[in-house]
N, C-alpha and C. Protein backbone atom coordinates (compact mmCIF):
# COMPACT_ATOMS: atom_id res chain seq x y z
N MET A 1 104.93 88.51 110.53
CA MET A 1 106.47 88.95 110.17
C MET A 1 106.80 90.92 109.74
N ILE A 2 105.89 91.19 109.77
CA ILE A 2 105.27 93.46 109.35
C ILE A 2 105.93 92.78 111.41
N ALA A 3 104.94 92.53 112.15
CA ALA A 3 104.69 93.11 113.69
C ALA A 3 107.10 92.54 114.21
N ARG A 4 107.55 91.97 113.29
CA ARG A 4 108.73 91.30 113.91
C ARG A 4 109.21 92.52 114.07
N ARG A 5 109.87 92.79 112.41
CA ARG A 5 110.66 93.67 112.09
C ARG A 5 110.22 94.96 112.90
N ILE A 6 108.86 95.82 113.45
CA ILE A 6 108.75 96.36 113.97
C ILE A 6 109.39 96.42 115.14
N ILE A 7 109.22 95.19 116.03
CA ILE A 7 109.56 95.03 117.51
C ILE A 7 111.80 95.46 117.28
N SER A 8 111.71 94.63 115.78
CA SER A 8 113.45 94.69 115.96
C SER A 8 113.95 96.54 115.68
N LEU A 9 112.54 97.17 114.97
CA LEU A 9 112.79 98.40 115.09
C LEU A 9 113.08 99.81 117.12
N GLN A 10 112.59 98.70 117.41
CA GLN A 10 112.56 99.31 118.31
C GLN A 10 113.06 98.60 120.12
N ASN A 11 113.82 97.74 119.43
CA ASN A 11 114.63 97.46 120.08
C ASN A 11 116.07 97.76 119.60
N ARG A 12 116.48 97.92 118.39
CA ARG A 12 117.45 99.31 118.37
C ARG A 12 117.15 100.38 118.52
N ASP A 13 116.55 100.47 117.89
CA ASP A 13 115.83 101.78 118.68
C ASP A 13 115.51 102.51 119.01
N GLU A 14 115.45 104.05 119.85
CA GLU A 14 114.66 104.47 121.16
C GLU A 14 113.30 104.32 120.42
N ASP A 15 112.82 103.68 121.04
CA ASP A 15 110.53 103.44 120.93
C ASP A 15 110.02 104.79 119.90
N ALA A 16 110.62 105.91 120.94
CA ALA A 16 110.05 107.60 120.36
C ALA A 16 109.85 107.05 118.35
N THR A 17 111.09 106.74 118.37
CA THR A 17 111.48 106.73 116.37
C THR A 17 111.33 106.15 115.73
N ALA A 18 111.09 104.57 116.33
CA ALA A 18 109.92 103.78 115.95
C ALA A 18 108.41 103.63 116.32
N THR A 19 107.76 104.56 117.03
CA THR A 19 106.64 104.94 116.83
C THR A 19 106.35 105.53 115.84
N VAL A 20 107.06 106.65 115.71
CA VAL A 20 107.19 107.48 114.12
C VAL A 20 107.25 107.00 112.86
N ARG A 21 107.50 106.17 112.89
CA ARG A 21 108.01 105.05 111.50
C ARG A 21 106.99 103.80 111.95
N PHE A 22 106.81 103.37 112.66
CA PHE A 22 105.37 102.93 112.27
C PHE A 22 103.95 103.34 112.00
N GLN A 23 103.94 104.82 112.61
CA GLN A 23 102.74 105.67 112.80
C GLN A 23 102.73 105.78 110.74
N THR A 24 103.97 106.44 110.39
CA THR A 24 103.96 107.08 109.15
C THR A 24 103.35 105.47 108.24
N VAL A 25 103.82 104.27 108.50
CA VAL A 25 103.58 103.68 107.54
C VAL A 25 102.23 103.12 107.39
N PHE A 26 101.72 102.89 108.46
CA PHE A 26 100.62 103.09 108.56
C PHE A 26 99.89 104.00 108.27
N ASN A 27 99.66 105.27 108.14
CA ASN A 27 98.91 106.06 107.70
C ASN A 27 99.13 105.94 106.53
N GLN A 28 100.63 105.97 105.19
CA GLN A 28 100.06 105.47 104.09
C GLN A 28 99.64 104.54 103.80
N GLY A 29 99.60 103.02 104.16
CA GLY A 29 99.04 101.83 104.44
C GLY A 29 97.32 102.65 104.40
N LEU A 30 96.40 103.12 104.80
CA LEU A 30 95.41 103.70 104.96
C LEU A 30 95.14 104.56 103.85
N LYS A 31 95.72 105.64 103.82
CA LYS A 31 95.40 106.04 101.94
C LYS A 31 95.60 105.14 101.32
N TYR A 32 96.53 104.83 100.90
CA TYR A 32 96.32 103.69 99.92
C TYR A 32 95.00 102.61 99.69
N ILE A 33 94.86 101.61 101.08
CA ILE A 33 93.33 100.73 100.55
C ILE A 33 92.01 102.44 101.29
N ALA A 34 92.10 103.69 101.47
CA ALA A 34 91.71 104.58 101.43
C ALA A 34 91.13 104.70 98.81
N SER A 35 92.42 104.70 98.95
CA SER A 35 92.10 104.66 97.15
C SER A 35 91.79 103.39 96.35
N ASN A 36 90.79 103.06 97.26
CA ASN A 36 90.80 101.49 96.36
C ASN A 36 91.35 100.00 96.33
N CYS A 37 92.55 100.73 96.85
CA CYS A 37 93.45 99.64 96.26
C CYS A 37 93.16 98.41 96.92
N SER A 38 94.71 97.39 96.99
CA SER A 38 93.72 95.70 97.43
C SER A 38 94.84 96.04 99.10
N PRO A 39 94.04 95.60 100.14
CA PRO A 39 95.24 95.59 101.35
C PRO A 39 96.17 94.39 101.14
N MET A 40 96.05 93.40 100.22
CA MET A 40 96.91 92.64 100.25
C MET A 40 97.95 92.98 99.67
N ALA A 41 97.95 93.72 98.78
CA ALA A 41 98.71 93.66 97.49
C ALA A 41 99.58 95.28 98.66
N PHE A 42 99.13 95.59 99.67
CA PHE A 42 99.90 95.99 100.30
C PHE A 42 100.38 95.71 101.38
N HIS A 43 100.69 94.82 101.91
CA HIS A 43 101.20 94.08 102.44
C HIS A 43 102.15 92.82 102.02
N HIS A 44 101.98 92.89 100.65
CA HIS A 44 102.77 91.76 100.63
C HIS A 44 103.51 93.20 99.74
N HIS A 45 103.97 94.60 99.35
CA HIS A 45 104.53 95.53 98.97
C HIS A 45 105.76 95.52 100.23
N LEU A 46 104.53 95.55 101.05
CA LEU A 46 105.73 95.74 102.63
C LEU A 46 106.58 95.22 103.24
N GLU A 47 105.91 93.53 103.13
CA GLU A 47 107.16 91.99 103.06
C GLU A 47 108.16 92.80 102.79
N GLN A 48 107.64 92.65 100.65
CA GLN A 48 109.14 92.68 100.08
C GLN A 48 110.12 93.96 100.40
N ASP A 49 109.47 94.84 101.02
CA ASP A 49 110.45 96.28 100.67
C ASP A 49 111.44 96.56 102.61
N ALA A 50 110.21 95.38 103.38
CA ALA A 50 111.05 95.89 104.47
C ALA A 50 112.35 95.76 105.08
N ASP A 51 112.80 94.56 104.44
CA ASP A 51 114.47 94.39 104.75
C ASP A 51 115.19 95.36 104.00
N ILE A 52 115.03 96.15 102.96
CA ILE A 52 115.22 97.42 102.30
C ILE A 52 115.09 98.62 103.02
N ILE A 53 113.78 98.84 103.38
CA ILE A 53 113.86 99.76 104.31
C ILE A 53 115.26 100.04 105.62
N VAL A 54 114.91 98.27 106.02
CA VAL A 54 115.91 98.28 107.47
C VAL A 54 117.21 98.50 107.13
N ASP A 55 117.71 97.99 106.26
CA ASP A 55 119.09 98.10 105.36
C ASP A 55 119.39 99.21 105.30
N ALA A 56 118.48 99.98 104.67
CA ALA A 56 118.83 101.40 104.26
C ALA A 56 119.21 102.55 105.18
N ARG A 57 118.31 102.60 106.67
CA ARG A 57 118.13 102.76 107.60
C ARG A 57 119.56 102.84 108.74
N ASP A 58 120.03 101.25 108.94
CA ASP A 58 120.89 101.49 108.93
C ASP A 58 122.40 101.58 108.56
N ASP A 59 122.61 101.74 107.29
CA ASP A 59 123.43 102.58 106.56
C ASP A 59 123.78 103.91 106.99
N LEU A 60 122.71 104.39 106.99
CA LEU A 60 122.33 105.75 107.59
C LEU A 60 122.73 106.42 109.03
N THR A 61 122.32 105.02 109.68
CA THR A 61 123.07 105.07 111.28
C THR A 61 124.64 105.41 111.83
N GLN A 62 124.72 106.05 112.97
CA GLN A 62 126.31 106.44 112.89
C GLN A 62 125.99 106.73 114.37
N THR A 63 127.56 106.05 114.76
CA THR A 63 127.39 106.38 116.45
C THR A 63 128.36 107.04 116.73
N ILE A 64 126.94 107.86 117.97
CA ILE A 64 128.11 108.69 118.31
C ILE A 64 129.27 108.18 120.24
N ALA A 65 129.98 108.91 119.41
CA ALA A 65 130.69 108.42 120.82
C ALA A 65 130.67 109.60 122.36
N GLY A 66 130.78 108.26 122.87
CA GLY A 66 130.48 108.36 124.29
C GLY A 66 128.57 107.76 124.76
N THR A 67 128.49 106.97 123.70
CA THR A 67 127.15 106.74 124.54
C THR A 67 126.60 105.22 124.40
């Protein structure tokens, strides 16, 4: 499920931007798990919030004339 959303980001954004976003989520996930929190809880929160994050990003996106 998360992988599909990441692929969707890569198709709509530049690959570098999607990679940076994925790396940020991954690094924060490692910090969360390293602090003795449940990996499944982290996964659940990602699933829950992925649509909200993508919608917020879409609201911030602006089309540049000539592209």
